[in-house]
Amino acid sequence: MEPYRHVSVALERDTQKREQEWLLKNKMPTYLDELRQKIESCIRFINPVICSAAEHDQSSQNKGGGEGNKELVRLKVSDNLKGYLKIDGWNITESQLMVRFPKFNKGISYAISSSNTQPWKLHQIQNVHEFLHMALSHIDMPDPVSATRIMKCIDEVVHCLKQALSEMETEYSSIGSTNETFFSSIPENLHVCFSVLNTSYVVSVYLLRPQKHSRAFDPSHRRQAYEEGVSGSRALDANFPEVVADSAQCAQPSKKLERCLVNIHGILELCLEIREKLIVVSQVN
């Protein structure tokens, strides 16, 4: 009976290898095509409808976005900060803000409007777009085909997707446009920042006041200070002539950002499913 047992084991291994070859050559391309389509769909979802010349090449592979990519965001969660934003992809193309600081200037309201000459870039969304493109570039059937090679591609895709999620989950000030180029009217003692946090657009307006014994004003100091981050009323910089006297902030939830986040998590789940299939296949000797 011993020779027959060896024959049976050999036949079983031969069957498993044929199943492995069939899965890799016939089913795996289908899984990778599905993964590619989902990432391309997510890219189109955040593409600007109207691209600048510099952005055109970046978005041309996916034919830009549809009108659904444009978004009107009404800020209505704060009594001290109201208004709206018009957003196209990662560009804020228009804004109208009304801000009030009750403790200062007897509660005078400030009206801040933007011009359309240069959009304010939400670099977090633009970075998500770039990471999705990077993930797309890793999806390819290797030659020769092997479970290990495909798994390496999937791991690269997962890494890019996690980087994209990190961009949305970490708030930082978007300094793509300065106050002078984006806003058509803004008082010199105000500074505005736009950013993204998870599924919300965050608008922050800072009321500045001069420091005592400060040096002459240098606009580059203000830009550098906000790039490093602002928190509460702490001094922006030891040599910075202004400090934050007060601030008004609101975070407005967005269905578009929520859908984007859900899409990326869905793509990660598909990567996990493909990886589990590859692990099973790679266990066949």
C-alpha atoms as a PDB file:
ATOM      1  CA  MET A   1       0.000   0.000   0.000  1.00  0.00           C
ATOM      2  CA  GLU A   2       2.975   2.325   0.593  1.00  0.00           C
ATOM      3  CA  PRO A   3       3.722   2.915  -3.137  1.00  0.00           C
ATOM      4  CA  TYR A   4       0.074   3.813  -3.761  1.00  0.00           C
ATOM      5  CA  ARG A   5       0.180   6.398  -0.943  1.00  0.00           C
ATOM      6  CA  HIS A   6       3.167   8.116  -2.557  1.00  0.00           C
ATOM      7  CA  VAL A   7       1.364   8.154  -5.887  1.00  0.00           C
ATOM      8  CA  SER A   8      -1.695   9.686  -4.249  1.00  0.00           C
ATOM      9  CA  VAL A   9       0.388  12.434  -2.608  1.00  0.00           C
ATOM     10  CA  ALA A  10       2.126  13.155  -5.914  1.00  0.00           C
ATOM     11  CA  LEU A  11      -1.211  13.414  -7.733  1.00  0.00           C
ATOM     12  CA  GLU A  12      -2.562  15.770  -5.075  1.00  0.00           C
ATOM     13  CA  ARG A  13       0.463  18.064  -5.367  1.00  0.00           C
ATOM     14  CA  ASP A  14       0.218  18.014  -9.136  1.00  0.00           C
ATOM     15  CA  THR A  15      -3.452  19.013  -8.895  1.00  0.00           C
ATOM     16  CA  GLN A  16      -2.632  21.848  -6.487  1.00  0.00           C
ATOM     17  CA  LYS A  17       0.065  23.178  -8.801  1.00  0.00           C
ATOM     18  CA  ARG A  18      -2.312  23.155 -11.760  1.00  0.00           C
ATOM     19  CA  GLU A  19      -4.878  25.027  -9.660  1.00  0.00           C
ATOM     20  CA  GLN A  20      -2.174  27.519  -8.677  1.00  0.00           C
ATOM     21  CA  GLU A  21      -1.217  28.112 -12.309  1.00  0.00           C
ATOM     22  CA  TRP A  22      -4.854  28.490 -13.299  1.00  0.00           C
ATOM     23  CA  LEU A  23      -5.524  31.006 -10.514  1.00  0.00           C
ATOM     24  CA  LEU A  24      -2.456  33.093 -11.327  1.00  0.00           C
ATOM     25  CA  LYS A  25      -2.943  33.135 -15.094  1.00  0.00           C
ATOM     26  CA  ASN A  26      -6.736  33.299 -15.331  1.00  0.00           C
ATOM     27  CA  LYS A  27      -8.221  34.755 -12.134  1.00  0.00           C
ATOM     28  CA  MET A  28      -5.473  37.067 -10.856  1.00  0.00           C
ATOM     29  CA  PRO A  29      -5.594  39.399 -13.921  1.00  0.00           C
ATOM     30  CA  THR A  30      -9.325  39.820 -13.246  1.00  0.00           C
ATOM     31  CA  TYR A  31      -8.657  40.748  -9.606  1.00  0.00           C
ATOM     32  CA  LEU A  32      -5.954  43.225 -10.636  1.00  0.00           C
ATOM     33  CA  ASP A  33      -8.220  44.763 -13.295  1.00  0.00           C
ATOM     34  CA  GLU A  34     -10.906  45.291 -10.649  1.00  0.00           C
ATOM     35  CA  LEU A  35      -8.325  46.901  -8.368  1.00  0.00           C
ATOM     36  CA  ARG A  36      -7.137  49.153 -11.187  1.00  0.00           C
ATOM     37  CA  GLN A  37     -10.670  50.237 -12.059  1.00  0.00           C
ATOM     38  CA  LYS A  38     -11.490  51.121  -8.453  1.00  0.00           C
ATOM     39  CA  ILE A  39      -8.375  53.276  -8.109  1.00  0.00           C
ATOM     40  CA  GLU A  40      -9.021  55.000 -11.456  1.00  0.00           C
ATOM     41  CA  SER A  41     -12.593  55.723 -10.349  1.00  0.00           C
ATOM     42  CA  CYS A  42     -11.318  57.251  -7.099  1.00  0.00           C
ATOM     43  CA  ILE A  43      -8.841  59.410  -9.048  1.00  0.00           C
ATOM     44  CA  ARG A  44     -11.577  60.708 -11.366  1.00  0.00           C
ATOM     45  CA  PHE A  45     -13.699  61.487  -8.333  1.00  0.00           C
ATOM     46  CA  ILE A  46     -11.189  64.037  -6.988  1.00  0.00           C
ATOM     47  CA  ASN A  47      -9.854  65.385 -10.291  1.00  0.00           C
ATOM     48  CA  PRO A  48     -10.557  69.088 -10.858  1.00  0.00           C
ATOM     49  CA  VAL A  49     -13.093  69.779 -13.586  1.00  0.00           C
ATOM     50  CA  ILE A  50     -11.024  72.780 -14.675  1.00  0.00           C
ATOM     51  CA  CYS A  51      -7.266  72.194 -14.520  1.00  0.00           C
ATOM     52  CA  SER A  52      -4.488  74.727 -14.781  1.00  0.00           C
ATOM     53  CA  ALA A  53      -1.785  74.132 -17.401  1.00  0.00           C
ATOM     54  CA  ALA A  54       0.493  72.603 -14.753  1.00  0.00           C
ATOM     55  CA  GLU A  55      -2.267  70.316 -13.478  1.00  0.00           C
ATOM     56  CA  HIS A  56      -3.470  69.241 -16.937  1.00  0.00           C
ATOM     57  CA  ASP A  57      -0.772  66.616 -17.482  1.00  0.00           C
ATOM     58  CA  GLN A  58      -1.340  65.193 -14.014  1.00  0.00           C
ATOM     59  CA  SER A  59      -5.067  64.691 -14.614  1.00  0.00           C
ATOM     60  CA  SER A  60      -5.115  63.947 -18.340  1.00  0.00           C
ATOM     61  CA  GLN A  61      -4.675  60.202 -17.911  1.00  0.00           C
ATOM     62  CA  ASN A  62      -8.063  60.093 -16.235  1.00  0.00           C
ATOM     63  CA  LYS A  63      -9.831  62.719 -18.425  1.00  0.00           C
ATOM     64  CA  GLY A  64     -10.440  65.100 -15.534  1.00  0.00           C
ATOM     65  CA  GLY A  65     -13.452  64.967 -13.289  1.00  0.00           C
ATOM     66  CA  GLY A  66     -17.163  65.346 -13.820  1.00  0.00           C
ATOM     67  CA  GLU A  67     -19.385  68.190 -12.691  1.00  0.00           C
ATOM     68  CA  GLY A  68     -20.051  66.131  -9.545  1.00  0.00           C
ATOM     69  CA  ASN A  69     -16.473  66.886  -8.501  1.00  0.00           C
ATOM     70  CA  LYS A  70     -17.463  70.504  -7.890  1.00  0.00           C
ATOM     71  CA  GLU A  71     -18.762  71.199  -4.429  1.00  0.00           C
ATOM     72  CA  LEU A  72     -20.487  74.100  -2.686  1.00  0.00           C
ATOM     73  CA  VAL A  73     -19.584  74.002   1.016  1.00  0.00           C
ATOM     74  CA  ARG A  74     -21.734  76.151   3.287  1.00  0.00           C
ATOM     75  CA  LEU A  75     -20.137  76.990   6.622  1.00  0.00           C
ATOM     76  CA  LYS A  76     -22.946  76.905   9.165  1.00  0.00           C
ATOM     77  CA  VAL A  77     -21.526  75.318  12.299  1.00  0.00           C
ATOM     78  CA  SER A  78     -20.165  78.443  13.989  1.00  0.00           C
ATOM     79  CA  ASP A  79     -21.819  81.730  14.958  1.00  0.00           C
ATOM     80  CA  ASN A  80     -18.473  83.514  14.684  1.00  0.00           C
ATOM     81  CA  LEU A  81     -17.563  82.158  11.254  1.00  0.00           C
ATOM     82  CA  LYS A  82     -20.024  81.840   8.393  1.00  0.00           C
ATOM     83  CA  GLY A  83     -19.924  81.783   4.620  1.00  0.00           C
ATOM     84  CA  TYR A  84     -19.290  79.351   1.801  1.00  0.00           C
ATOM     85  CA  LEU A  85     -16.556  77.761  -0.297  1.00  0.00           C
ATOM     86  CA  LYS A  86     -16.701  76.627  -3.910  1.00  0.00           C
ATOM     87  CA  ILE A  87     -14.368  73.687  -4.455  1.00  0.00           C
ATOM     88  CA  ASP A  88     -13.308  72.034  -7.705  1.00  0.00           C
ATOM     89  CA  GLY A  89     -11.268  68.906  -7.060  1.00  0.00           C
ATOM     90  CA  TRP A  90      -8.474  70.146  -4.788  1.00  0.00           C
ATOM     91  CA  ASN A  91      -8.938  73.821  -5.734  1.00  0.00           C
ATOM     92  CA  ILE A  92     -10.955  76.343  -3.744  1.00  0.00           C
ATOM     93  CA  THR A  93     -12.090  78.592  -6.569  1.00  0.00           C
ATOM     94  CA  GLU A  94     -14.269  81.005  -4.609  1.00  0.00           C
ATOM     95  CA  SER A  95     -15.016  81.852  -0.991  1.00  0.00           C
ATOM     96  CA  GLN A  96     -17.070  84.298   1.023  1.00  0.00           C
ATOM     97  CA  LEU A  97     -16.447  84.471   4.770  1.00  0.00           C
ATOM     98  CA  MET A  98     -17.963  86.526   7.569  1.00  0.00           C
ATOM     99  CA  VAL A  99     -15.951  86.326  10.798  1.00  0.00           C
ATOM    100  CA  ARG A 100     -16.451  87.961  14.185  1.00  0.00           C
ATOM    101  CA  PHE A 101     -14.211  88.065  17.259  1.00  0.00           C
ATOM    102  CA  PRO A 102     -16.469  88.970  20.240  1.00  0.00           C
ATOM    103  CA  LYS A 103     -13.575  89.798  22.597  1.00  0.00           C
ATOM    104  CA  PHE A 104     -11.895  92.258  20.258  1.00  0.00           C
ATOM    105  CA  ASN A 105     -12.882  95.364  18.300  1.00  0.00           C
ATOM    106  CA  LYS A 106     -16.300  95.387  20.014  1.00  0.00           C
ATOM    107  CA  GLY A 107     -17.389  92.339  18.053  1.00  0.00           C
ATOM    108  CA  ILE A 108     -16.946  93.972  14.655  1.00  0.00           C
ATOM    109  CA  SER A 109     -17.573  91.536  11.778  1.00  0.00           C
ATOM    110  CA  TYR A 110     -15.062  91.141   8.963  1.00  0.00           C
ATOM    111  CA  ALA A 111     -16.152  90.301   5.422  1.00  0.00           C
ATOM    112  CA  ILE A 112     -13.553  88.338   3.459  1.00  0.00           C
ATOM    113  CA  SER A 113     -14.043  87.526  -0.206  1.00  0.00           C
ATOM    114  CA  SER A 114     -11.795  85.803  -2.723  1.00  0.00           C
ATOM    115  CA  SER A 115     -11.010  86.422  -6.361  1.00  0.00           C
ATOM    116  CA  ASN A 116     -10.935  83.790  -9.088  1.00  0.00           C
ATOM    117  CA  THR A 117      -7.541  84.788 -10.421  1.00  0.00           C
ATOM    118  CA  GLN A 118      -5.709  82.053  -8.535  1.00  0.00           C
ATOM    119  CA  PRO A 119      -7.360  79.146  -6.677  1.00  0.00           C
ATOM    120  CA  TRP A 120      -6.307  78.089  -3.203  1.00  0.00           C
ATOM    121  CA  LYS A 121      -4.922  74.556  -3.419  1.00  0.00           C
ATOM    122  CA  LEU A 122      -5.875  71.991  -0.809  1.00  0.00           C
ATOM    123  CA  HIS A 123      -2.555  70.186  -0.987  1.00  0.00           C
ATOM    124  CA  GLN A 124      -3.822  67.251   1.072  1.00  0.00           C
ATOM    125  CA  ILE A 125      -6.351  66.349  -1.634  1.00  0.00           C
ATOM    126  CA  GLN A 126      -3.764  66.932  -4.347  1.00  0.00           C
ATOM    127  CA  ASN A 127      -1.360  64.616  -2.497  1.00  0.00           C
ATOM    128  CA  VAL A 128      -4.084  61.953  -2.211  1.00  0.00           C
ATOM    129  CA  HIS A 129      -4.455  62.192  -5.981  1.00  0.00           C
ATOM    130  CA  GLU A 130      -0.697  61.683  -6.455  1.00  0.00           C
ATOM    131  CA  PHE A 131      -0.557  58.703  -4.084  1.00  0.00           C
ATOM    132  CA  LEU A 132      -3.450  57.071  -5.952  1.00  0.00           C
ATOM    133  CA  HIS A 133      -1.539  57.516  -9.204  1.00  0.00           C
ATOM    134  CA  MET A 134       1.501  55.929  -7.572  1.00  0.00           C
ATOM    135  CA  ALA A 135      -0.643  52.991  -6.426  1.00  0.00           C
ATOM    136  CA  LEU A 136      -1.939  52.611  -9.971  1.00  0.00           C
ATOM    137  CA  SER A 137       1.593  52.438 -11.362  1.00  0.00           C
ATOM    138  CA  HIS A 138       2.352  49.355  -9.220  1.00  0.00           C
ATOM    139  CA  ILE A 139      -0.540  47.273 -10.576  1.00  0.00           C
ATOM    140  CA  ASP A 140       0.909  45.009 -13.231  1.00  0.00           C
ATOM    141  CA  MET A 141       1.191  41.293 -13.962  1.00  0.00           C
ATOM    142  CA  PRO A 142       4.861  40.389 -13.495  1.00  0.00           C
ATOM    143  CA  ASP A 143       6.761  38.277 -15.985  1.00  0.00           C
ATOM    144  CA  PRO A 144       7.331  35.503 -15.091  1.00  0.00           C
ATOM    145  CA  VAL A 145       4.097  35.257 -13.116  1.00  0.00           C
ATOM    146  CA  SER A 146       4.473  34.205  -9.487  1.00  0.00           C
ATOM    147  CA  ALA A 147       2.480  34.640  -6.294  1.00  0.00           C
ATOM    148  CA  THR A 148       5.483  36.268  -4.596  1.00  0.00           C
ATOM    149  CA  ARG A 149       5.924  38.872  -7.343  1.00  0.00           C
ATOM    150  CA  ILE A 150       2.226  39.781  -7.389  1.00  0.00           C
ATOM    151  CA  MET A 151       2.171  40.009  -3.592  1.00  0.00           C
ATOM    152  CA  LYS A 152       5.052  42.477  -3.737  1.00  0.00           C
ATOM    153  CA  CYS A 153       3.027  44.658  -6.153  1.00  0.00           C
ATOM    154  CA  ILE A 154       0.002  44.519  -3.840  1.00  0.00           C
ATOM    155  CA  ASP A 155       2.148  45.527  -0.850  1.00  0.00           C
ATOM    156  CA  GLU A 156       3.368  48.585  -2.792  1.00  0.00           C
ATOM    157  CA  VAL A 157      -0.235  49.520  -3.610  1.00  0.00           C
ATOM    158  CA  VAL A 158      -1.239  49.174   0.050  1.00  0.00           C
ATOM    159  CA  HIS A 159       1.666  51.409   1.106  1.00  0.00           C
ATOM    160  CA  CYS A 160       0.538  54.164  -1.313  1.00  0.00           C
ATOM    161  CA  LEU A 161      -3.089  53.891  -0.180  1.00  0.00           C
ATOM    162  CA  LYS A 162      -2.083  54.217   3.480  1.00  0.00           C
ATOM    163  CA  GLN A 163      -0.075  57.318   2.583  1.00  0.00           C
ATOM    164  CA  ALA A 164      -3.183  58.746   0.928  1.00  0.00           C
ATOM    165  CA  LEU A 165      -5.241  58.052   4.066  1.00  0.00           C
ATOM    166  CA  SER A 166      -2.578  59.702   6.210  1.00  0.00           C
ATOM    167  CA  GLU A 167      -2.914  62.890   4.142  1.00  0.00           C
ATOM    168  CA  MET A 168      -6.641  63.079   4.900  1.00  0.00           C
ATOM    169  CA  GLU A 169      -6.311  62.142   8.558  1.00  0.00           C
ATOM    170  CA  THR A 170      -3.609  64.712   9.405  1.00  0.00           C
ATOM    171  CA  GLU A 171      -4.655  68.357   9.478  1.00  0.00           C
ATOM    172  CA  TYR A 172      -2.213  71.026   8.409  1.00  0.00           C
ATOM    173  CA  SER A 173      -2.549  74.520   7.008  1.00  0.00           C
ATOM    174  CA  SER A 174      -2.758  74.753   3.239  1.00  0.00           C
ATOM    175  CA  ILE A 175      -0.365  77.490   2.115  1.00  0.00           C
ATOM    176  CA  GLY A 176      -0.829  76.949  -1.616  1.00  0.00           C
ATOM    177  CA  SER A 177      -1.957  80.559  -2.027  1.00  0.00           C
ATOM    178  CA  THR A 178      -1.218  83.524   0.177  1.00  0.00           C
ATOM    179  CA  ASN A 179      -3.846  85.966   1.374  1.00  0.00           C
ATOM    180  CA  GLU A 180      -2.640  88.549  -1.120  1.00  0.00           C
ATOM    181  CA  THR A 181      -3.128  86.369  -4.217  1.00  0.00           C
ATOM    182  CA  PHE A 182      -6.324  84.514  -3.306  1.00  0.00           C
ATOM    183  CA  PHE A 183      -8.383  87.106  -1.454  1.00  0.00           C
ATOM    184  CA  SER A 184      -9.625  90.222  -3.186  1.00  0.00           C
ATOM    185  CA  SER A 185     -10.206  91.917   0.170  1.00  0.00           C
ATOM    186  CA  ILE A 186      -8.808  91.022   3.568  1.00  0.00           C
ATOM    187  CA  PRO A 187      -7.699  93.191   6.512  1.00  0.00           C
ATOM    188  CA  GLU A 188      -3.971  93.107   7.193  1.00  0.00           C
ATOM    189  CA  ASN A 189      -4.525  91.860  10.738  1.00  0.00           C
ATOM    190  CA  LEU A 190      -6.326  88.678   9.593  1.00  0.00           C
ATOM    191  CA  HIS A 191      -4.896  85.432   8.257  1.00  0.00           C
ATOM    192  CA  VAL A 192      -6.985  82.620   6.766  1.00  0.00           C
ATOM    193  CA  CYS A 193      -6.077  78.940   6.400  1.00  0.00           C
ATOM    194  CA  PHE A 194      -7.946  76.090   4.703  1.00  0.00           C
ATOM    195  CA  SER A 195      -7.259  72.404   5.292  1.00  0.00           C
ATOM    196  CA  VAL A 196      -8.829  68.941   5.398  1.00  0.00           C
ATOM    197  CA  LEU A 197      -9.325  66.632   8.360  1.00  0.00           C
ATOM    198  CA  ASN A 198     -10.848  63.201   7.704  1.00  0.00           C
ATOM    199  CA  THR A 199     -14.211  63.988   6.073  1.00  0.00           C
ATOM    200  CA  SER A 200     -14.377  67.721   6.837  1.00  0.00           C
ATOM    201  CA  TYR A 201     -13.082  70.953   5.380  1.00  0.00           C
ATOM    202  CA  VAL A 202     -11.488  73.083   8.103  1.00  0.00           C
ATOM    203  CA  VAL A 203     -11.498  76.882   7.883  1.00  0.00           C
ATOM    204  CA  SER A 204      -9.399  78.874  10.357  1.00  0.00           C
ATOM    205  CA  VAL A 205      -9.242  82.647  10.646  1.00  0.00           C
ATOM    206  CA  TYR A 206      -6.629  84.225  12.925  1.00  0.00           C
ATOM    207  CA  LEU A 207      -6.766  87.727  14.386  1.00  0.00           C
ATOM    208  CA  LEU A 208      -3.218  89.080  14.703  1.00  0.00           C
ATOM    209  CA  ARG A 209      -1.857  91.820  16.906  1.00  0.00           C
ATOM    210  CA  PRO A 210       1.665  93.322  16.974  1.00  0.00           C
ATOM    211  CA  GLN A 211       4.193  92.133  19.487  1.00  0.00           C
ATOM    212  CA  LYS A 212       5.914  94.723  21.597  1.00  0.00           C
ATOM    213  CA  HIS A 213       9.530  95.474  20.701  1.00  0.00           C
ATOM    214  CA  SER A 214       9.164  93.566  17.428  1.00  0.00           C
ATOM    215  CA  ARG A 215      11.309  94.093  14.385  1.00  0.00           C
ATOM    216  CA  ALA A 216      10.038  95.569  11.133  1.00  0.00           C
ATOM    217  CA  PHE A 217       7.308  93.522   9.469  1.00  0.00           C
ATOM    218  CA  ASP A 218       8.466  90.970   6.913  1.00  0.00           C
ATOM    219  CA  PRO A 219       5.651  89.137   5.016  1.00  0.00           C
ATOM    220  CA  SER A 220       7.856  86.050   4.604  1.00  0.00           C
ATOM    221  CA  HIS A 221       7.867  85.597   8.404  1.00  0.00           C
ATOM    222  CA  ARG A 222       4.075  85.269   8.436  1.00  0.00           C
ATOM    223  CA  ARG A 223       4.151  82.585   5.716  1.00  0.00           C
ATOM    224  CA  GLN A 224       6.922  80.657   7.487  1.00  0.00           C
ATOM    225  CA  ALA A 225       5.123  80.831  10.822  1.00  0.00           C
ATOM    226  CA  TYR A 226       1.885  79.384   9.449  1.00  0.00           C
ATOM    227  CA  GLU A 227       3.698  76.661   7.560  1.00  0.00           C
ATOM    228  CA  GLU A 228       5.176  75.595  10.899  1.00  0.00           C
ATOM    229  CA  GLY A 229       1.690  75.623  12.449  1.00  0.00           C
ATOM    230  CA  VAL A 230      -0.327  77.849  14.713  1.00  0.00           C
ATOM    231  CA  SER A 231      -1.924  76.798  17.980  1.00  0.00           C
ATOM    232  CA  GLY A 232      -4.085  79.026  20.177  1.00  0.00           C
ATOM    233  CA  SER A 233      -2.474  82.306  21.156  1.00  0.00           C
ATOM    234  CA  ARG A 234       1.148  81.210  21.232  1.00  0.00           C
ATOM    235  CA  ALA A 235       3.685  83.506  19.600  1.00  0.00           C
ATOM    236  CA  LEU A 236       4.289  82.451  16.007  1.00  0.00           C
ATOM    237  CA  ASP A 237       8.012  83.068  16.012  1.00  0.00           C
ATOM    238  CA  ALA A 238      10.572  84.737  18.255  1.00  0.00           C
ATOM    239  CA  ASN A 239      11.278  87.295  15.542  1.00  0.00           C
ATOM    240  CA  PHE A 240       7.721  87.443  14.220  1.00  0.00           C
ATOM    241  CA  PRO A 241       6.181  90.896  14.723  1.00  0.00           C
ATOM    242  CA  GLU A 242       2.646  89.554  15.295  1.00  0.00           C
ATOM    243  CA  VAL A 243       0.985  87.012  17.579  1.00  0.00           C
ATOM    244  CA  VAL A 244      -2.416  85.361  17.430  1.00  0.00           C
ATOM    245  CA  ALA A 245      -4.800  87.318  19.613  1.00  0.00           C
ATOM    246  CA  ASP A 246      -7.844  85.208  18.786  1.00  0.00           C
ATOM    247  CA  SER A 247      -9.022  82.674  16.258  1.00  0.00           C
ATOM    248  CA  ALA A 248     -12.249  81.388  14.764  1.00  0.00           C
ATOM    249  CA  GLN A 249     -12.479  77.917  13.279  1.00  0.00           C
ATOM    250  CA  CYS A 250     -15.098  75.592  11.877  1.00  0.00           C
ATOM    251  CA  ALA A 251     -15.018  72.104  10.396  1.00  0.00           C
ATOM    252  CA  GLN A 252     -17.717  71.445   7.812  1.00  0.00           C
ATOM    253  CA  PRO A 253     -18.432  67.764   6.996  1.00  0.00           C
ATOM    254  CA  SER A 254     -18.348  66.855   3.306  1.00  0.00           C
ATOM    255  CA  LYS A 255     -20.115  63.950   1.617  1.00  0.00           C
ATOM    256  CA  LYS A 256     -17.498  64.094  -1.124  1.00  0.00           C
ATOM    257  CA  LEU A 257     -14.611  63.650   1.332  1.00  0.00           C
ATOM    258  CA  GLU A 258     -16.568  60.934   3.128  1.00  0.00           C
ATOM    259  CA  ARG A 259     -17.066  59.039  -0.122  1.00  0.00           C
ATOM    260  CA  CYS A 260     -13.389  59.459  -1.008  1.00  0.00           C
ATOM    261  CA  LEU A 261     -12.372  58.011   2.362  1.00  0.00           C
ATOM    262  CA  VAL A 262     -14.825  55.118   2.008  1.00  0.00           C
ATOM    263  CA  ASN A 263     -13.516  54.381  -1.502  1.00  0.00           C
ATOM    264  CA  ILE A 264      -9.906  54.193  -0.339  1.00  0.00           C
ATOM    265  CA  HIS A 265     -10.826  51.900   2.567  1.00  0.00           C
ATOM    266  CA  GLY A 266     -12.759  49.704   0.101  1.00  0.00           C
ATOM    267  CA  ILE A 267      -9.701  49.473  -2.160  1.00  0.00           C
ATOM    268  CA  LEU A 268      -7.574  48.477   0.832  1.00  0.00           C
ATOM    269  CA  GLU A 269     -10.051  45.694   1.656  1.00  0.00           C
ATOM    270  CA  LEU A 270      -9.813  44.413  -1.923  1.00  0.00           C
ATOM    271  CA  CYS A 271      -6.012  44.399  -1.623  1.00  0.00           C
ATOM    272  CA  LEU A 272      -6.335  42.329   1.553  1.00  0.00           C
ATOM    273  CA  GLU A 273      -8.596  39.824  -0.210  1.00  0.00           C
ATOM    274  CA  ILE A 274      -6.136  39.468  -3.104  1.00  0.00           C
ATOM    275  CA  ARG A 275      -3.251  39.082  -0.682  1.00  0.00           C
ATOM    276  CA  GLU A 276      -5.039  36.306   1.234  1.00  0.00           C
ATOM    277  CA  LYS A 277      -5.624  34.425  -2.017  1.00  0.00           C
ATOM    278  CA  LEU A 278      -1.954  34.798  -2.902  1.00  0.00           C
ATOM    279  CA  ILE A 279      -0.888  33.484   0.532  1.00  0.00           C
ATOM    280  CA  VAL A 280      -2.961  30.344  -0.019  1.00  0.00           C
ATOM    281  CA  VAL A 281      -1.475  29.886  -3.484  1.00  0.00           C
ATOM    282  CA  SER A 282       2.100  30.432  -2.318  1.00  0.00           C
ATOM    283  CA  GLN A 283       1.749  27.640   0.248  1.00  0.00           C
ATOM    284  CA  VAL A 284       1.552  25.082  -2.551  1.00  0.00           C
ATOM    285  CA  ASN A 285       4.962  23.483  -3.021  1.00  0.00           C
END
